[in-house]
Each structure stands twice: as structure tokens, then as C-alpha cells.
C-alpha atoms as a PDB file:
ATOM      1  CA  MET A   1      33.285 -21.666  -2.457  1.00  0.00           C
ATOM      2  CA  THR A   2      33.132 -17.938  -1.841  1.00  0.00           C
ATOM      3  CA  ILE A   3      30.085 -16.280  -0.372  1.00  0.00           C
ATOM      4  CA  ALA A   4      29.198 -12.967  -1.954  1.00  0.00           C
ATOM      5  CA  ILE A   5      28.380 -10.545   0.842  1.00  0.00           C
ATOM      6  CA  THR A   6      26.085  -7.820  -0.374  1.00  0.00           C
ATOM      7  CA  ILE A   7      24.229  -4.967   1.243  1.00  0.00           C
ATOM      8  CA  GLU A   8      20.481  -5.446   1.059  1.00  0.00           C
ATOM      9  CA  PRO A   9      17.969  -2.646   1.452  1.00  0.00           C
ATOM     10  CA  ILE A  10      15.987  -2.545   4.665  1.00  0.00           C
ATOM     11  CA  PRO A  11      12.482  -3.908   3.932  1.00  0.00           C
ATOM     12  CA  MET A  12      10.769  -0.848   5.406  1.00  0.00           C
ATOM     13  CA  GLU A  13       9.169   2.198   3.822  1.00  0.00           C
ATOM     14  CA  THR A  14       7.691   5.352   5.274  1.00  0.00           C
ATOM     15  CA  ASP A  15       4.320   6.253   3.753  1.00  0.00           C
ATOM     16  CA  ALA A  16       2.989   9.759   3.076  1.00  0.00           C
ATOM     17  CA  SER A  17       1.629  10.101   6.614  1.00  0.00           C
ATOM     18  CA  GLY A  18       4.936   9.093   8.230  1.00  0.00           C
ATOM     19  CA  VAL A  19       3.968   5.520   9.116  1.00  0.00           C
ATOM     20  CA  VAL A  20       6.707   2.920   8.627  1.00  0.00           C
ATOM     21  CA  ARG A  21       5.425  -0.200   6.871  1.00  0.00           C
ATOM     22  CA  ILE A  22       7.163  -3.495   6.223  1.00  0.00           C
ATOM     23  CA  ALA A  23       8.137  -4.628   2.723  1.00  0.00           C
ATOM     24  CA  LYS A  24       5.388  -2.866   0.740  1.00  0.00           C
ATOM     25  CA  THR A  25       2.643  -4.354   2.924  1.00  0.00           C
ATOM     26  CA  ARG A  26       0.093  -2.679   5.160  1.00  0.00           C
ATOM     27  CA  VAL A  27       1.778  -4.139   8.254  1.00  0.00           C
ATOM     28  CA  THR A  28       3.399  -1.417  10.349  1.00  0.00           C
ATOM     29  CA  LEU A  29       6.766  -1.442  12.060  1.00  0.00           C
ATOM     30  CA  ASP A  30       5.139  -0.873  15.441  1.00  0.00           C
ATOM     31  CA  THR A  31       2.884  -3.902  14.892  1.00  0.00           C
ATOM     32  CA  VAL A  32       5.856  -6.209  14.310  1.00  0.00           C
ATOM     33  CA  VAL A  33       7.970  -4.749  17.109  1.00  0.00           C
ATOM     34  CA  THR A  34       5.092  -4.810  19.604  1.00  0.00           C
ATOM     35  CA  ALA A  35       4.371  -8.468  18.800  1.00  0.00           C
ATOM     36  CA  PHE A  36       8.063  -9.252  19.300  1.00  0.00           C
ATOM     37  CA  LEU A  37       8.178  -7.369  22.616  1.00  0.00           C
ATOM     38  CA  GLU A  38       5.090  -9.302  23.761  1.00  0.00           C
ATOM     39  CA  GLY A  39       7.016 -12.539  23.231  1.00  0.00           C
ATOM     40  CA  ALA A  40       6.077 -13.597  19.697  1.00  0.00           C
ATOM     41  CA  THR A  41       8.767 -15.283  17.630  1.00  0.00           C
ATOM     42  CA  ALA A  42       9.471 -14.270  14.049  1.00  0.00           C
ATOM     43  CA  GLU A  43       7.652 -17.412  12.921  1.00  0.00           C
ATOM     44  CA  GLU A  44       4.587 -16.554  15.017  1.00  0.00           C
ATOM     45  CA  ILE A  45       4.566 -13.026  13.614  1.00  0.00           C
ATOM     46  CA  GLY A  46       4.737 -14.535  10.122  1.00  0.00           C
ATOM     47  CA  GLU A  47       1.759 -16.765  10.892  1.00  0.00           C
ATOM     48  CA  GLN A  48      -0.193 -13.794  12.198  1.00  0.00           C
ATOM     49  CA  TYR A  49       0.720 -11.617   9.192  1.00  0.00           C
ATOM     50  CA  PRO A  50       1.051 -13.903   6.163  1.00  0.00           C
ATOM     51  CA  SER A  51       1.746 -10.966   3.825  1.00  0.00           C
ATOM     52  CA  LEU A  52       5.208 -10.710   5.434  1.00  0.00           C
ATOM     53  CA  GLN A  53       8.158 -12.812   4.356  1.00  0.00           C
ATOM     54  CA  LEU A  54       9.913 -14.549   7.257  1.00  0.00           C
ATOM     55  CA  SER A  55      13.260 -13.163   6.085  1.00  0.00           C
ATOM     56  CA  ASP A  56      11.834  -9.609   6.193  1.00  0.00           C
ATOM     57  CA  ILE A  57      10.562 -10.172   9.737  1.00  0.00           C
ATOM     58  CA  TYR A  58      14.012 -11.288  10.874  1.00  0.00           C
ATOM     59  CA  PHE A  59      15.583  -8.345   9.067  1.00  0.00           C
ATOM     60  CA  VAL A  60      13.210  -5.876  10.760  1.00  0.00           C
ATOM     61  CA  LEU A  61      13.729  -7.440  14.191  1.00  0.00           C
ATOM     62  CA  GLY A  62      17.494  -7.262  13.733  1.00  0.00           C
ATOM     63  CA  TYR A  63      17.177  -3.638  12.672  1.00  0.00           C
ATOM     64  CA  TYR A  64      15.042  -2.954  15.746  1.00  0.00           C
ATOM     65  CA  LEU A  65      17.630  -4.519  18.046  1.00  0.00           C
ATOM     66  CA  ARG A  66      20.358  -2.368  16.477  1.00  0.00           C
ATOM     67  CA  HIS A  67      18.268   0.851  16.570  1.00  0.00           C
ATOM     68  CA  LYS A  68      16.197   0.248  19.687  1.00  0.00           C
ATOM     69  CA  ILE A  69      16.331   3.803  21.055  1.00  0.00           C
ATOM     70  CA  GLU A  70      15.160   5.419  17.800  1.00  0.00           C
ATOM     71  CA  ILE A  71      12.447   2.870  17.114  1.00  0.00           C
ATOM     72  CA  ASP A  72      11.180   2.925  20.699  1.00  0.00           C
ATOM     73  CA  ALA A  73      10.900   6.724  20.398  1.00  0.00           C
ATOM     74  CA  TYR A  74       9.028   6.338  17.083  1.00  0.00           C
ATOM     75  CA  ILE A  75       6.608   3.832  18.657  1.00  0.00           C
ATOM     76  CA  ALA A  76       6.055   6.083  21.690  1.00  0.00           C
ATOM     77  CA  GLN A  77       5.270   8.976  19.335  1.00  0.00           C
ATOM     78  CA  ARG A  78       2.782   6.823  17.398  1.00  0.00           C
ATOM     79  CA  GLN A  79       1.104   5.710  20.633  1.00  0.00           C
ATOM     80  CA  HIS A  80       0.853   9.324  21.790  1.00  0.00           C
ATOM     81  CA  ARG A  81      -0.766  10.369  18.482  1.00  0.00           C
ATOM     82  CA  SER A  82      -3.135   7.412  18.718  1.00  0.00           C
ATOM     83  CA  GLU A  83      -4.216   8.473  22.203  1.00  0.00           C
ATOM     84  CA  ILE A  84      -4.864  12.043  21.002  1.00  0.00           C
ATOM     85  CA  VAL A  85      -7.013  10.770  18.119  1.00  0.00           C
ATOM     86  CA  ARG A  86      -8.908   8.441  20.480  1.00  0.00           C
ATOM     87  CA  GLN A  87      -9.648  11.337  22.843  1.00  0.00           C
ATOM     88  CA  GLU A  88     -10.834  13.540  19.958  1.00  0.00           C
ATOM     89  CA  VAL A  89     -13.138  10.801  18.687  1.00  0.00           C
ATOM     90  CA  GLU A  90     -14.563  10.220  22.161  1.00  0.00           C
ATOM     91  CA  LYS A  91     -15.244  13.953  22.505  1.00  0.00           C
ATOM     92  CA  ARG A  92     -17.198  13.934  19.247  1.00  0.00           C
ATOM     93  CA  PHE A  93     -18.880  10.575  19.748  1.00  0.00           C
ATOM     94  CA  ASN A  94     -19.427   9.855  23.423  1.00  0.00           C
ATOM     95  CA  PRO A  95     -18.983   6.076  23.941  1.00  0.00           C
ATOM     96  CA  ILE A  96     -20.875   6.082  27.254  1.00  0.00           C
ATOM     97  CA  GLY A  97     -24.233   4.419  26.707  1.00  0.00           C
ATOM     98  CA  LEU A  98     -23.431   3.610  23.089  1.00  0.00           C
ATOM     99  CA  ARG A  99     -24.588   0.006  23.386  1.00  0.00           C
ATOM    100  CA  ASP A 100     -27.918   1.075  24.882  1.00  0.00           C
ATOM    101  CA  ARG A 101     -28.413   3.704  22.138  1.00  0.00           C
ATOM    102  CA  LEU A 102     -27.696   1.151  19.422  1.00  0.00           C
ATOM    103  CA  LEU A 103     -30.033  -1.395  20.973  1.00  0.00           C
ATOM    104  CA  ALA A 104     -32.759   1.261  21.236  1.00  0.00           C
ATOM    105  CA  ARG A 105     -32.440   1.926  17.493  1.00  0.00           C
ATOM    106  CA  LYS A 106     -33.014  -1.741  16.776  1.00  0.00           C
ATOM    107  CA  ASN A 107     -36.452  -1.741  18.414  1.00  0.00           C
END
């Protein structure tokens, strides 16, 4: 029996805003990689994100391990942008005393 070895496309797509998502789902590359780096297995990631196929998770993790430097840089860039957005939101909507303000509205 001969096994046909074929090249399969990587189950990742970059959306219009530059975010890499897995296999036409809303799950991001950084979500999967971060879970993996925190110790989750591919199976645990699949349980946490049932829209992902287990084979796609393994494929993405293998891709990450082969392209660690580039993907780590991408994740660091996303975290930096996230921090900037968080700071901008906090400037516009001061979170200090938010709970007290919301509770005061209730009364």
C-alpha cells in the first residue's frame, strides 16, 4: 500500500484587520498558541473551543513550533496593540469608582 503524501493548506486566515484566525472560525491564532504555552494540550484546546477541529489544532501548533520567532513577534504586536486600546478606553471611561457609580444608578 502506498501512502499519497500531499501538501495541505495551513488552516489559518488573516482577516481584514490583520488578525489571524483558525480554519474559518472566530478563534484567533494567539488564543490557541497562548493556551498551548500555558500548558493546554491540543485536546484541551479542542474542548475549550469546539468550533476547531482537532487536526487543525495540531496543524497550527506544529506550524507555531516551526515558525516560533515570527508568531511570537505577531503575538507580542497584538498584545501591544491591545494594551494601547485598553489605555485609550480607560482614558475615555475612567474605571475607578465604576462599581460605585453603577450601584448609585440602581437606587
